[in-house]
Full PDB file with SEQRES, HELIX, SHEET, SSBOND, CRYST1, ORIGX, SCALE, CONECT and MASTER records, all heavy atoms in Angstrom:
SEQRES   1 A   44  GLU LEU THR GLY ARG PHE ASP ALA TYR ARG ALA GLN PHE          
SEQRES   2 A   44  ILE VAL PRO GLU HIS GLN ILE PRO LYS VAL PHE SER ALA          
SEQRES   3 A   44  ALA VAL GLU LYS SER ARG GLU LEU THR SER THR TYR ILE          
SEQRES   4 A   44  ASP LEU PRO GLU ASN                                          
HELIX    1 AA1 LEU A    2  ARG A   10  1                                   9    
HELIX    2 AA2 ALA A   11  PHE A   13  5                                   3    
HELIX    3 AA3 GLU A   17  GLN A   19  5                                   3    
HELIX    4 AA4 ILE A   20  SER A   36  1                                  17    
CRYST1    1.000    1.000    1.000  90.00  90.00  90.00 P 1           1          
ORIGX1      1.000000  0.000000  0.000000        0.00000                         
ORIGX2      0.000000  1.000000  0.000000        0.00000                         
ORIGX3      0.000000  0.000000  1.000000        0.00000                         
SCALE1      1.000000  0.000000  0.000000        0.00000                         
SCALE2      0.000000  1.000000  0.000000        0.00000                         
SCALE3      0.000000  0.000000  1.000000        0.00000                         
ATOM      1  N   GLU A   1     123.998 129.533  71.093  1.00  0.00           N  
ATOM      2  CA  GLU A   1     122.813 128.669  71.215  1.00  0.00           C  
ATOM      3  C   GLU A   1     121.714 129.382  72.064  1.00  0.00           C  
ATOM      4  O   GLU A   1     122.002 130.096  73.026  1.00  0.00           O  
ATOM      5  CB  GLU A   1     123.174 127.367  71.925  1.00  0.00           C  
ATOM      6  CG  GLU A   1     124.092 126.447  71.108  1.00  0.00           C  
ATOM      7  CD  GLU A   1     123.368 125.908  69.923  1.00  0.00           C  
ATOM      8  OE1 GLU A   1     122.108 125.685  69.955  1.00  0.00           O  
ATOM      9  OE2 GLU A   1     124.006 125.621  68.922  1.00  0.00           O  
ATOM     10  N   LEU A   2     120.485 129.175  71.675  1.00  0.00           N  
ATOM     11  CA  LEU A   2     119.366 129.828  72.383  1.00  0.00           C  
ATOM     12  C   LEU A   2     119.307 129.484  73.860  1.00  0.00           C  
ATOM     13  O   LEU A   2     118.997 130.380  74.673  1.00  0.00           O  
ATOM     14  CB  LEU A   2     118.015 129.501  71.669  1.00  0.00           C  
ATOM     15  CG  LEU A   2     116.782 130.102  72.264  1.00  0.00           C  
ATOM     16  CD1 LEU A   2     116.828 131.632  72.271  1.00  0.00           C  
ATOM     17  CD2 LEU A   2     115.532 129.601  71.530  1.00  0.00           C  
ATOM     18  N   THR A   3     119.553 128.249  74.193  1.00  0.00           N  
ATOM     19  CA  THR A   3     119.501 127.796  75.594  1.00  0.00           C  
ATOM     20  C   THR A   3     120.373 128.680  76.411  1.00  0.00           C  
ATOM     21  O   THR A   3     120.054 129.119  77.514  1.00  0.00           O  
ATOM     22  CB  THR A   3     119.835 126.340  75.753  1.00  0.00           C  
ATOM     23  OG1 THR A   3     118.854 125.595  75.040  1.00  0.00           O  
ATOM     24  CG2 THR A   3     119.823 125.942  77.209  1.00  0.00           C  
ATOM     25  N   GLY A   4     121.619 128.892  75.944  1.00  0.00           N  
ATOM     26  CA  GLY A   4     122.573 129.712  76.656  1.00  0.00           C  
ATOM     27  C   GLY A   4     122.221 131.145  76.733  1.00  0.00           C  
ATOM     28  O   GLY A   4     122.332 131.802  77.856  1.00  0.00           O  
ATOM     29  N   ARG A   5     121.658 131.730  75.681  1.00  0.00           N  
ATOM     30  CA  ARG A   5     121.187 133.097  75.690  1.00  0.00           C  
ATOM     31  C   ARG A   5     119.996 133.284  76.608  1.00  0.00           C  
ATOM     32  O   ARG A   5     119.892 134.301  77.375  1.00  0.00           O  
ATOM     33  CB  ARG A   5     120.809 133.526  74.234  1.00  0.00           C  
ATOM     34  CG  ARG A   5     121.989 133.900  73.412  1.00  0.00           C  
ATOM     35  CD  ARG A   5     121.573 134.462  72.033  1.00  0.00           C  
ATOM     36  NE  ARG A   5     121.149 133.457  71.143  1.00  0.00           N  
ATOM     37  CZ  ARG A   5     119.991 133.516  70.466  1.00  0.00           C  
ATOM     38  NH1 ARG A   5     119.207 134.556  70.563  1.00  0.00           N  
ATOM     39  NH2 ARG A   5     119.663 132.530  69.633  1.00  0.00           N  
ATOM     40  N   PHE A   6     119.122 132.301  76.578  1.00  0.00           N  
ATOM     41  CA  PHE A   6     117.911 132.306  77.491  1.00  0.00           C  
ATOM     42  C   PHE A   6     118.343 132.309  78.964  1.00  0.00           C  
ATOM     43  O   PHE A   6     117.907 133.081  79.793  1.00  0.00           O  
ATOM     44  CB  PHE A   6     117.002 131.170  77.200  1.00  0.00           C  
ATOM     45  CG  PHE A   6     115.768 131.102  78.018  1.00  0.00           C  
ATOM     46  CD1 PHE A   6     114.751 132.032  77.861  1.00  0.00           C  
ATOM     47  CD2 PHE A   6     115.596 130.108  78.912  1.00  0.00           C  
ATOM     48  CE1 PHE A   6     113.584 131.953  78.687  1.00  0.00           C  
ATOM     49  CE2 PHE A   6     114.474 129.991  79.733  1.00  0.00           C  
ATOM     50  CZ  PHE A   6     113.475 130.918  79.622  1.00  0.00           C  
ATOM     51  N   ASP A   7     119.294 131.448  79.259  1.00  0.00           N  
ATOM     52  CA  ASP A   7     119.798 131.282  80.639  1.00  0.00           C  
ATOM     53  C   ASP A   7     120.488 132.592  81.058  1.00  0.00           C  
ATOM     54  O   ASP A   7     120.264 133.086  82.183  1.00  0.00           O  
ATOM     55  CB  ASP A   7     120.866 130.160  80.653  1.00  0.00           C  
ATOM     56  CG  ASP A   7     120.617 129.253  81.903  1.00  0.00           C  
ATOM     57  OD1 ASP A   7     119.468 129.189  82.439  1.00  0.00           O  
ATOM     58  OD2 ASP A   7     121.642 128.674  82.379  1.00  0.00           O  
ATOM     59  N   ALA A   8     121.265 133.184  80.219  1.00  0.00           N  
ATOM     60  CA  ALA A   8     121.987 134.469  80.569  1.00  0.00           C  
ATOM     61  C   ALA A   8     120.950 135.542  80.758  1.00  0.00           C  
ATOM     62  O   ALA A   8     121.137 136.415  81.632  1.00  0.00           O  
ATOM     63  CB  ALA A   8     122.945 134.750  79.502  1.00  0.00           C  
ATOM     64  N   TYR A   9     120.004 135.579  79.888  1.00  0.00           N  
ATOM     65  CA  TYR A   9     118.933 136.650  80.059  1.00  0.00           C  
ATOM     66  C   TYR A   9     118.160 136.486  81.366  1.00  0.00           C  
ATOM     67  O   TYR A   9     117.930 137.521  82.070  1.00  0.00           O  
ATOM     68  CB  TYR A   9     117.985 136.549  78.799  1.00  0.00           C  
ATOM     69  CG  TYR A   9     116.793 137.420  78.927  1.00  0.00           C  
ATOM     70  CD1 TYR A   9     116.869 138.812  78.691  1.00  0.00           C  
ATOM     71  CD2 TYR A   9     115.490 136.973  79.205  1.00  0.00           C  
ATOM     72  CE1 TYR A   9     115.774 139.703  78.806  1.00  0.00           C  
ATOM     73  CE2 TYR A   9     114.393 137.765  79.280  1.00  0.00           C  
ATOM     74  CZ  TYR A   9     114.526 139.119  79.077  1.00  0.00           C  
ATOM     75  OH  TYR A   9     113.448 139.982  79.154  1.00  0.00           O  
ATOM     76  N   ARG A  10     117.747 135.313  81.679  1.00  0.00           N  
ATOM     77  CA  ARG A  10     116.955 135.104  82.947  1.00  0.00           C  
ATOM     78  C   ARG A  10     117.791 135.412  84.191  1.00  0.00           C  
ATOM     79  O   ARG A  10     117.206 135.636  85.242  1.00  0.00           O  
ATOM     80  CB  ARG A  10     116.511 133.656  82.980  1.00  0.00           C  
ATOM     81  CG  ARG A  10     115.365 133.316  82.052  1.00  0.00           C  
ATOM     82  CD  ARG A  10     114.875 131.919  82.327  1.00  0.00           C  
ATOM     83  NE  ARG A  10     113.880 131.907  83.331  1.00  0.00           N  
ATOM     84  CZ  ARG A  10     113.445 130.758  83.950  1.00  0.00           C  
ATOM     85  NH1 ARG A  10     113.975 129.587  83.605  1.00  0.00           N  
ATOM     86  NH2 ARG A  10     112.437 130.768  84.803  1.00  0.00           N  
ATOM     87  N   ALA A  11     119.153 135.354  84.103  1.00  0.00           N  
ATOM     88  CA  ALA A  11     119.962 135.477  85.272  1.00  0.00           C  
ATOM     89  C   ALA A  11     119.721 136.851  85.982  1.00  0.00           C  
ATOM     90  O   ALA A  11     119.824 136.889  87.212  1.00  0.00           O  
ATOM     91  CB  ALA A  11     121.428 135.394  84.879  1.00  0.00           C  
ATOM     92  N   GLN A  12     119.292 137.869  85.248  1.00  0.00           N  
ATOM     93  CA  GLN A  12     119.065 139.150  85.841  1.00  0.00           C  
ATOM     94  C   GLN A  12     117.807 139.117  86.736  1.00  0.00           C  
ATOM     95  O   GLN A  12     117.608 140.063  87.534  1.00  0.00           O  
ATOM     96  CB  GLN A  12     118.921 140.240  84.772  1.00  0.00           C  
ATOM     97  CG  GLN A  12     117.703 140.058  83.890  1.00  0.00           C  
ATOM     98  CD  GLN A  12     117.621 141.049  82.763  1.00  0.00           C  
ATOM     99  OE1 GLN A  12     117.647 142.304  83.067  1.00  0.00           O  
ATOM    100  NE2 GLN A  12     117.548 140.625  81.539  1.00  0.00           N  
ATOM    101  N   PHE A  13     117.019 138.081  86.658  1.00  0.00           N  
ATOM    102  CA  PHE A  13     115.766 137.994  87.342  1.00  0.00           C  
ATOM    103  C   PHE A  13     115.845 136.860  88.476  1.00  0.00           C  
ATOM    104  O   PHE A  13     114.768 136.422  88.886  1.00  0.00           O  
ATOM    105  CB  PHE A  13     114.547 137.760  86.381  1.00  0.00           C  
ATOM    106  CG  PHE A  13     114.349 138.930  85.478  1.00  0.00           C  
ATOM    107  CD1 PHE A  13     114.727 138.897  84.257  1.00  0.00           C  
ATOM    108  CD2 PHE A  13     113.688 140.043  85.947  1.00  0.00           C  
ATOM    109  CE1 PHE A  13     114.506 139.983  83.310  1.00  0.00           C  
ATOM    110  CE2 PHE A  13     113.441 141.155  85.134  1.00  0.00           C  
ATOM    111  CZ  PHE A  13     113.890 141.078  83.793  1.00  0.00           C  
ATOM    112  N   ILE A  14     117.037 136.479  88.810  1.00  0.00           N  
ATOM    113  CA  ILE A  14     117.180 135.548  89.900  1.00  0.00           C  
ATOM    114  C   ILE A  14     117.152 136.316  91.235  1.00  0.00           C  
ATOM    115  O   ILE A  14     117.846 137.293  91.449  1.00  0.00           O  
ATOM    116  CB  ILE A  14     118.604 134.841  89.822  1.00  0.00           C  
ATOM    117  CG1 ILE A  14     118.543 133.914  88.600  1.00  0.00           C  
ATOM    118  CG2 ILE A  14     118.855 133.965  91.076  1.00  0.00           C  
ATOM    119  CD1 ILE A  14     119.913 133.247  88.328  1.00  0.00           C  
ATOM    120  N   VAL A  15     116.297 135.804  92.127  1.00  0.00           N  
ATOM    121  CA  VAL A  15     116.187 136.455  93.425  1.00  0.00           C  
ATOM    122  C   VAL A  15     117.439 136.039  94.271  1.00  0.00           C  
ATOM    123  O   VAL A  15     117.736 134.847  94.437  1.00  0.00           O  
ATOM    124  CB  VAL A  15     114.915 135.980  94.231  1.00  0.00           C  
ATOM    125  CG1 VAL A  15     114.794 136.575  95.533  1.00  0.00           C  
ATOM    126  CG2 VAL A  15     113.626 136.278  93.349  1.00  0.00           C  
ATOM    127  N   PRO A  16     118.116 137.042  94.785  1.00  0.00           N  
ATOM    128  CA  PRO A  16     119.290 136.689  95.629  1.00  0.00           C  
ATOM    129  C   PRO A  16     118.939 135.836  96.792  1.00  0.00           C  
ATOM    130  O   PRO A  16     117.841 136.011  97.374  1.00  0.00           O  
ATOM    131  CB  PRO A  16     119.807 138.101  96.083  1.00  0.00           C  
ATOM    132  CG  PRO A  16     119.308 139.091  95.118  1.00  0.00           C  
ATOM    133  CD  PRO A  16     117.965 138.489  94.640  1.00  0.00           C  
ATOM    134  N   GLU A  17     119.786 134.844  97.072  1.00  0.00           N  
ATOM    135  CA  GLU A  17     119.404 133.817  98.089  1.00  0.00           C  
ATOM    136  C   GLU A  17     119.022 134.456  99.431  1.00  0.00           C  
ATOM    137  O   GLU A  17     118.061 134.064 100.080  1.00  0.00           O  
ATOM    138  CB  GLU A  17     120.605 132.869  98.314  1.00  0.00           C  
ATOM    139  CG  GLU A  17     120.218 131.701  99.107  1.00  0.00           C  
ATOM    140  CD  GLU A  17     121.318 130.632  99.141  1.00  0.00           C  
ATOM    141  OE1 GLU A  17     122.106 130.520  98.217  1.00  0.00           O  
ATOM    142  OE2 GLU A  17     121.336 129.726 100.060  1.00  0.00           O  
ATOM    143  N   HIS A  18     119.723 135.524  99.862  1.00  0.00           N  
ATOM    144  CA  HIS A  18     119.428 136.093 101.212  1.00  0.00           C  
ATOM    145  C   HIS A  18     118.134 136.943 101.171  1.00  0.00           C  
ATOM    146  O   HIS A  18     117.634 137.270 102.197  1.00  0.00           O  
ATOM    147  CB  HIS A  18     120.661 136.985 101.640  1.00  0.00           C  
ATOM    148  CG  HIS A  18     120.766 138.213 100.785  1.00  0.00           C  
ATOM    149  ND1 HIS A  18     121.425 138.232  99.543  1.00  0.00           N  
ATOM    150  CD2 HIS A  18     120.505 139.522 101.058  1.00  0.00           C  
ATOM    151  CE1 HIS A  18     121.462 139.455  99.044  1.00  0.00           C  
ATOM    152  NE2 HIS A  18     120.957 140.251 100.002  1.00  0.00           N  
ATOM    153  N   GLN A  19     117.615 137.150  99.954  1.00  0.00           N  
ATOM    154  CA  GLN A  19     116.310 137.900  99.863  1.00  0.00           C  
ATOM    155  C   GLN A  19     115.140 137.004  99.658  1.00  0.00           C  
ATOM    156  O   GLN A  19     113.964 137.476  99.731  1.00  0.00           O  
ATOM    157  CB  GLN A  19     116.384 138.918  98.754  1.00  0.00           C  
ATOM    158  CG  GLN A  19     117.552 139.895  98.729  1.00  0.00           C  
ATOM    159  CD  GLN A  19     117.392 141.051  99.846  1.00  0.00           C  
ATOM    160  OE1 GLN A  19     116.729 140.762 100.818  1.00  0.00           O  
ATOM    161  NE2 GLN A  19     118.003 142.141  99.607  1.00  0.00           N  
ATOM    162  N   ILE A  20     115.397 135.756  99.404  1.00  0.00           N  
ATOM    163  CA  ILE A  20     114.260 134.801  99.090  1.00  0.00           C  
ATOM    164  C   ILE A  20     113.185 134.736 100.223  1.00  0.00           C  
ATOM    165  O   ILE A  20     111.980 134.844  99.880  1.00  0.00           O  
ATOM    166  CB  ILE A  20     114.850 133.429  98.792  1.00  0.00           C  
ATOM    167  CG1 ILE A  20     115.543 133.405  97.446  1.00  0.00           C  
ATOM    168  CG2 ILE A  20     113.767 132.333  98.757  1.00  0.00           C  
ATOM    169  CD1 ILE A  20     116.227 132.096  97.109  1.00  0.00           C  
ATOM    170  N   PRO A  21     113.549 134.624 101.487  1.00  0.00           N  
ATOM    171  CA  PRO A  21     112.470 134.541 102.482  1.00  0.00           C  
ATOM    172  C   PRO A  21     111.485 135.641 102.444  1.00  0.00           C  
ATOM    173  O   PRO A  21     110.261 135.480 102.458  1.00  0.00           O  
ATOM    174  CB  PRO A  21     113.275 134.475 103.841  1.00  0.00           C  
ATOM    175  CG  PRO A  21     114.585 133.890 103.448  1.00  0.00           C  
ATOM    176  CD  PRO A  21     114.906 134.452 102.051  1.00  0.00           C  
ATOM    177  N   LYS A  22     111.983 136.918 102.394  1.00  0.00           N  
ATOM    178  CA  LYS A  22     111.035 138.021 102.449  1.00  0.00           C  
ATOM    179  C   LYS A  22     110.272 138.179 101.104  1.00  0.00           C  
ATOM    180  O   LYS A  22     109.111 138.589 101.096  1.00  0.00           O  
ATOM    181  CB  LYS A  22     111.637 139.318 102.836  1.00  0.00           C  
ATOM    182  CG  LYS A  22     112.757 139.851 101.873  1.00  0.00           C  
ATOM    183  CD  LYS A  22     113.346 141.115 102.457  1.00  0.00           C  
ATOM    184  CE  LYS A  22     114.383 141.732 101.550  1.00  0.00           C  
ATOM    185  NZ  LYS A  22     114.997 143.015 102.103  1.00  0.00           N  
ATOM    186  N   VAL A  23     110.950 137.903  99.981  1.00  0.00           N  
ATOM    187  CA  VAL A  23     110.293 138.031  98.664  1.00  0.00           C  
ATOM    188  C   VAL A  23     109.161 136.930  98.537  1.00  0.00           C  
ATOM    189  O   VAL A  23     108.024 137.234  98.170  1.00  0.00           O  
ATOM    190  CB  VAL A  23     111.326 137.903  97.484  1.00  0.00           C  
ATOM    191  CG1 VAL A  23     110.532 137.926  96.175  1.00  0.00           C  
ATOM    192  CG2 VAL A  23     112.285 138.975  97.601  1.00  0.00           C  
ATOM    193  N   PHE A  24     109.565 135.666  98.889  1.00  0.00           N  
ATOM    194  CA  PHE A  24     108.543 134.626  98.768  1.00  0.00           C  
ATOM    195  C   PHE A  24     107.358 134.837  99.749  1.00  0.00           C  
ATOM    196  O   PHE A  24     106.217 134.627  99.447  1.00  0.00           O  
ATOM    197  CB  PHE A  24     109.147 133.257  98.998  1.00  0.00           C  
ATOM    198  CG  PHE A  24     108.238 132.130  98.736  1.00  0.00           C  
ATOM    199  CD1 PHE A  24     107.723 131.822  97.504  1.00  0.00           C  
ATOM    200  CD2 PHE A  24     107.799 131.315  99.850  1.00  0.00           C  
ATOM    201  CE1 PHE A  24     106.822 130.808  97.238  1.00  0.00           C  
ATOM    202  CE2 PHE A  24     106.923 130.271  99.580  1.00  0.00           C  
ATOM    203  CZ  PHE A  24     106.414 130.050  98.370  1.00  0.00           C  
ATOM    204  N   SER A  25     107.673 135.289 101.023  1.00  0.00           N  
ATOM    205  CA  SER A  25     106.658 135.543 101.984  1.00  0.00           C  
ATOM    206  C   SER A  25     105.695 136.618 101.517  1.00  0.00           C  
ATOM    207  O   SER A  25     104.450 136.515 101.715  1.00  0.00           O  
ATOM    208  CB  SER A  25     107.260 135.974 103.354  1.00  0.00           C  
ATOM    209  OG  SER A  25     108.024 134.884 103.930  1.00  0.00           O  
ATOM    210  N   ALA A  26     106.272 137.648 100.847  1.00  0.00           N  
ATOM    211  CA  ALA A  26     105.402 138.696 100.274  1.00  0.00           C  
ATOM    212  C   ALA A  26     104.466 138.184  99.203  1.00  0.00           C  
ATOM    213  O   ALA A  26     103.298 138.602  99.127  1.00  0.00           O  
ATOM    214  CB  ALA A  26     106.260 139.804  99.770  1.00  0.00           C  
ATOM    215  N   ALA A  27     104.986 137.236  98.399  1.00  0.00           N  
ATOM    216  CA  ALA A  27     104.157 136.650  97.341  1.00  0.00           C  
ATOM    217  C   ALA A  27     103.030 135.817  97.930  1.00  0.00           C  
ATOM    218  O   ALA A  27     101.931 135.854  97.475  1.00  0.00           O  
ATOM    219  CB  ALA A  27     105.063 135.795  96.489  1.00  0.00           C  
ATOM    220  N   VAL A  28     103.325 135.044  98.960  1.00  0.00           N  
ATOM    221  CA  VAL A  28     102.351 134.215  99.602  1.00  0.00           C  
ATOM    222  C   VAL A  28     101.257 135.100 100.281  1.00  0.00           C  
ATOM    223  O   VAL A  28     100.057 134.831 100.157  1.00  0.00           O  
ATOM    224  CB  VAL A  28     102.926 133.225 100.644  1.00  0.00           C  
ATOM    225  CG1 VAL A  28     101.883 132.566 101.420  1.00  0.00           C  
ATOM    226  CG2 VAL A  28     103.901 132.226 100.013  1.00  0.00           C  
ATOM    227  N   GLU A  29     101.687 136.145 100.933  1.00  0.00           N  
ATOM    228  CA  GLU A  29     100.704 137.036 101.547  1.00  0.00           C  
ATOM    229  C   GLU A  29      99.760 137.699 100.547  1.00  0.00           C  
ATOM    230  O   GLU A  29      98.556 137.877 100.767  1.00  0.00           O  
ATOM    231  CB  GLU A  29     101.390 138.080 102.416  1.00  0.00           C  
ATOM    232  CG  GLU A  29     102.060 137.501 103.666  1.00  0.00           C  
ATOM    233  CD  GLU A  29     101.029 136.849 104.644  1.00  0.00           C  
ATOM    234  OE1 GLU A  29      99.833 137.177 104.637  1.00  0.00           O  
ATOM    235  OE2 GLU A  29     101.511 135.932 105.380  1.00  0.00           O  
ATOM    236  N   LYS A  30     100.380 138.074  99.379  1.00  0.00           N  
ATOM    237  CA  LYS A  30      99.537 138.647  98.371  1.00  0.00           C  
ATOM    238  C   LYS A  30      98.571 137.708  97.777  1.00  0.00           C  
ATOM    239  O   LYS A  30      97.390 138.024  97.610  1.00  0.00           O  
ATOM    240  CB  LYS A  30     100.490 139.188  97.276  1.00  0.00           C  
ATOM    241  CG  LYS A  30      99.720 139.926  96.108  1.00  0.00           C  
ATOM    242  CD  LYS A  30      98.970 141.124  96.696  1.00  0.00           C  
ATOM    243  CE  LYS A  30      98.327 141.985  95.484  1.00  0.00           C  
ATOM    244  NZ  LYS A  30      97.631 143.203  96.012  1.00  0.00           N  
ATOM    245  N   SER A  31      98.975 136.431  97.511  1.00  0.00           N  
ATOM    246  CA  SER A  31      98.083 135.456  97.027  1.00  0.00           C  
ATOM    247  C   SER A  31      96.989 135.095  98.047  1.00  0.00           C  
ATOM    248  O   SER A  31      95.814 134.887  97.669  1.00  0.00           O  
ATOM    249  CB  SER A  31      98.814 134.161  96.636  1.00  0.00           C  
ATOM    250  OG  SER A  31      99.368 133.553  97.752  1.00  0.00           O  
ATOM    251  N   ARG A  32      97.303 135.090  99.297  1.00  0.00           N  
ATOM    252  CA  ARG A  32      96.295 134.924 100.373  1.00  0.00           C  
ATOM    253  C   ARG A  32      95.253 136.060 100.411  1.00  0.00           C  
ATOM    254  O   ARG A  32      94.070 135.836 100.445  1.00  0.00           O  
ATOM    255  CB  ARG A  32      96.917 134.829 101.751  1.00  0.00           C  
ATOM    256  CG  ARG A  32      95.951 134.404 102.801  1.00  0.00           C  
ATOM    257  CD  ARG A  32      96.570 134.474 104.205  1.00  0.00           C  
ATOM    258  NE  ARG A  32      95.672 133.990 105.204  1.00  0.00           N  
ATOM    259  CZ  ARG A  32      94.731 134.671 105.788  1.00  0.00           C  
ATOM    260  NH1 ARG A  32      94.471 135.935 105.476  1.00  0.00           N  
ATOM    261  NH2 ARG A  32      93.918 134.080 106.655  1.00  0.00           N  
ATOM    262  N   GLU A  33      95.783 137.276 100.298  1.00  0.00           N  
ATOM    263  CA  GLU A  33      94.863 138.459 100.324  1.00  0.00           C  
ATOM    264  C   GLU A  33      93.896 138.441  99.196  1.00  0.00           C  
ATOM    265  O   GLU A  33      92.684 138.645  99.351  1.00  0.00           O  
ATOM    266  CB  GLU A  33      95.722 139.720 100.265  1.00  0.00           C  
ATOM    267  CG  GLU A  33      94.882 141.021 100.035  1.00  0.00           C  
ATOM    268  CD  GLU A  33      95.812 142.189  99.612  1.00  0.00           C  
ATOM    269  OE1 GLU A  33      97.032 142.247  99.975  1.00  0.00           O  
ATOM    270  OE2 GLU A  33      95.382 143.002  98.819  1.00  0.00           O  
ATOM    271  N   LEU A  34      94.372 138.126  98.018  1.00  0.00           N  
ATOM    272  CA  LEU A  34      93.466 138.069  96.830  1.00  0.00           C  
ATOM    273  C   LEU A  34      92.538 136.941  96.856  1.00  0.00           C  
ATOM    274  O   LEU A  34      91.357 137.101  96.513  1.00  0.00           O  
ATOM    275  CB  LEU A  34      94.341 137.974  95.504  1.00  0.00           C  
ATOM    276  CG  LEU A  34      95.276 139.229  95.239  1.00  0.00           C  
ATOM    277  CD1 LEU A  34      96.202 138.891  94.113  1.00  0.00           C  
ATOM    278  CD2 LEU A  34      94.418 140.435  94.887  1.00  0.00           C  
ATOM    279  N   THR A  35      92.932 135.791  97.330  1.00  0.00           N  
ATOM    280  CA  THR A  35      92.060 134.604  97.468  1.00  0.00           C  
ATOM    281  C   THR A  35      90.995 134.848  98.509  1.00  0.00           C  
ATOM    282  O   THR A  35      89.759 134.503  98.268  1.00  0.00           O  
ATOM    283  CB  THR A  35      92.898 133.348  97.872  1.00  0.00           C  
ATOM    284  OG1 THR A  35      93.823 133.095  96.809  1.00  0.00           O  
ATOM    285  CG2 THR A  35      92.020 132.171  98.025  1.00  0.00           C  
ATOM    286  N   SER A  36      91.311 135.476  99.626  1.00  0.00           N  
ATOM    287  CA  SER A  36      90.336 135.679 100.703  1.00  0.00           C  
ATOM    288  C   SER A  36      89.261 136.698 100.323  1.00  0.00           C  
ATOM    289  O   SER A  36      88.232 136.738 100.994  1.00  0.00           O  
ATOM    290  CB  SER A  36      91.081 136.136 101.949  1.00  0.00           C  
ATOM    291  OG  SER A  36      91.690 137.379 101.811  1.00  0.00           O  
ATOM    292  N   THR A  37      89.473 137.411  99.274  1.00  0.00           N  
ATOM    293  CA  THR A  37      88.442 138.336  98.752  1.00  0.00           C  
ATOM    294  C   THR A  37      87.258 137.520  98.246  1.00  0.00           C  
ATOM    295  O   THR A  37      86.118 138.004  98.276  1.00  0.00           O  
ATOM    296  CB  THR A  37      88.968 139.201  97.580  1.00  0.00           C  
ATOM    297  OG1 THR A  37      90.095 139.976  98.186  1.00  0.00           O  
ATOM    298  CG2 THR A  37      87.945 140.196  97.102  1.00  0.00           C  
ATOM    299  N   TYR A  38      87.501 136.336  97.703  1.00  0.00           N  
ATOM    300  CA  TYR A  38      86.484 135.551  97.060  1.00  0.00           C  
ATOM    301  C   TYR A  38      86.121 134.232  97.860  1.00  0.00           C  
ATOM    302  O   TYR A  38      84.967 133.785  97.667  1.00  0.00           O  
ATOM    303  CB  TYR A  38      86.927 135.118  95.643  1.00  0.00           C  
ATOM    304  CG  TYR A  38      87.011 136.276  94.713  1.00  0.00           C  
ATOM    305  CD1 TYR A  38      88.235 136.963  94.611  1.00  0.00           C  
ATOM    306  CD2 TYR A  38      85.980 136.720  93.936  1.00  0.00           C  
ATOM    307  CE1 TYR A  38      88.404 138.040  93.739  1.00  0.00           C  
ATOM    308  CE2 TYR A  38      86.096 137.773  93.107  1.00  0.00           C  
ATOM    309  CZ  TYR A  38      87.223 138.478  93.006  1.00  0.00           C  
ATOM    310  OH  TYR A  38      87.377 139.576  92.182  1.00  0.00           O  
ATOM    311  N   ILE A  39      87.027 133.798  98.704  1.00  0.00           N  
ATOM    312  CA  ILE A  39      86.668 132.562  99.444  1.00  0.00           C  
ATOM    313  C   ILE A  39      86.930 132.770 100.939  1.00  0.00           C  
ATOM    314  O   ILE A  39      87.932 133.340 101.343  1.00  0.00           O  
ATOM    315  CB  ILE A  39      87.596 131.414  98.953  1.00  0.00           C  
ATOM    316  CG1 ILE A  39      87.286 131.084  97.491  1.00  0.00           C  
ATOM    317  CG2 ILE A  39      87.410 130.153  99.806  1.00  0.00           C  
ATOM    318  CD1 ILE A  39      88.109 129.967  96.919  1.00  0.00           C  
ATOM    319  N   ASP A  40      85.972 132.373 101.722  1.00  0.00           N  
ATOM    320  CA  ASP A  40      86.052 132.496 103.169  1.00  0.00           C  
ATOM    321  C   ASP A  40      87.063 131.517 103.788  1.00  0.00           C  
ATOM    322  O   ASP A  40      86.862 130.304 103.579  1.00  0.00           O  
ATOM    323  CB  ASP A  40      84.649 132.277 103.770  1.00  0.00           C  
ATOM    324  CG  ASP A  40      84.630 132.368 105.322  1.00  0.00           C  
ATOM    325  OD1 ASP A  40      85.341 133.264 105.823  1.00  0.00           O  
ATOM    326  OD2 ASP A  40      83.941 131.617 105.937  1.00  0.00           O  
ATOM    327  N   LEU A  41      88.081 132.034 104.374  1.00  0.00           N  
ATOM    328  CA  LEU A  41      89.112 131.170 104.924  1.00  0.00           C  
ATOM    329  C   LEU A  41      88.931 131.019 106.440  1.00  0.00           C  
ATOM    330  O   LEU A  41      88.493 131.897 107.128  1.00  0.00           O  
ATOM    331  CB  LEU A  41      90.538 131.789 104.650  1.00  0.00           C  
ATOM    332  CG  LEU A  41      90.904 132.033 103.224  1.00  0.00           C  
ATOM    333  CD1 LEU A  41      92.169 132.795 103.157  1.00  0.00           C  
ATOM    334  CD2 LEU A  41      90.965 130.674 102.498  1.00  0.00           C  
ATOM    335  N   PRO A  42      89.224 129.802 106.964  1.00  0.00           N  
ATOM    336  CA  PRO A  42      89.112 129.608 108.434  1.00  0.00           C  
ATOM    337  C   PRO A  42      90.054 130.585 109.129  1.00  0.00           C  
ATOM    338  O   PRO A  42      91.138 130.952 108.684  1.00  0.00           O  
ATOM    339  CB  PRO A  42      89.585 128.168 108.610  1.00  0.00           C  
ATOM    340  CG  PRO A  42      89.407 127.559 107.282  1.00  0.00           C  
ATOM    341  CD  PRO A  42      89.711 128.610 106.230  1.00  0.00           C  
ATOM    342  N   GLU A  43      89.572 131.010 110.352  1.00  0.00           N  
ATOM    343  CA  GLU A  43      90.409 131.934 111.137  1.00  0.00           C  
ATOM    344  C   GLU A  43      91.795 131.450 111.529  1.00  0.00           C  
ATOM    345  O   GLU A  43      92.703 132.192 111.552  1.00  0.00           O  
ATOM    346  CB  GLU A  43      89.634 132.397 112.357  1.00  0.00           C  
ATOM    347  CG  GLU A  43      88.394 133.311 112.047  1.00  0.00           C  
ATOM    348  CD  GLU A  43      87.796 133.856 113.385  1.00  0.00           C  
ATOM    349  OE1 GLU A  43      88.337 133.577 114.416  1.00  0.00           O  
ATOM    350  OE2 GLU A  43      86.742 134.504 113.299  1.00  0.00           O  
ATOM    351  N   ASN A  44      91.844 130.116 111.803  1.00  0.00           N  
ATOM    352  CA  ASN A  44      93.118 129.577 112.262  1.00  0.00           C  
ATOM    353  C   ASN A  44      93.987 128.966 111.193  1.00  0.00           C  
ATOM    354  O   ASN A  44      94.990 128.304 111.525  1.00  0.00           O  
ATOM    355  CB  ASN A  44      92.823 128.524 113.327  1.00  0.00           C  
ATOM    356  CG  ASN A  44      92.079 127.319 112.765  1.00  0.00           C  
ATOM    357  OD1 ASN A  44      91.308 127.466 111.921  1.00  0.00           O  
ATOM    358  ND2 ASN A  44      92.363 126.104 113.340  1.00  0.00           N  
TER     359      ASN A  44                                                      
MASTER        0    0    0    4    0    0    0    6  358    1    0    4          
END                                                                             
């Protein structure tokens, strides 16, 4: 079934639980950096 094949294929792209904090934090920092190029953000 396609659902099972899709699930198995995506499994290789699961972020290991112990790596989630640093991977997600890096994603947030990148999105902030790109956004601040176009929109003035408050200092605090």
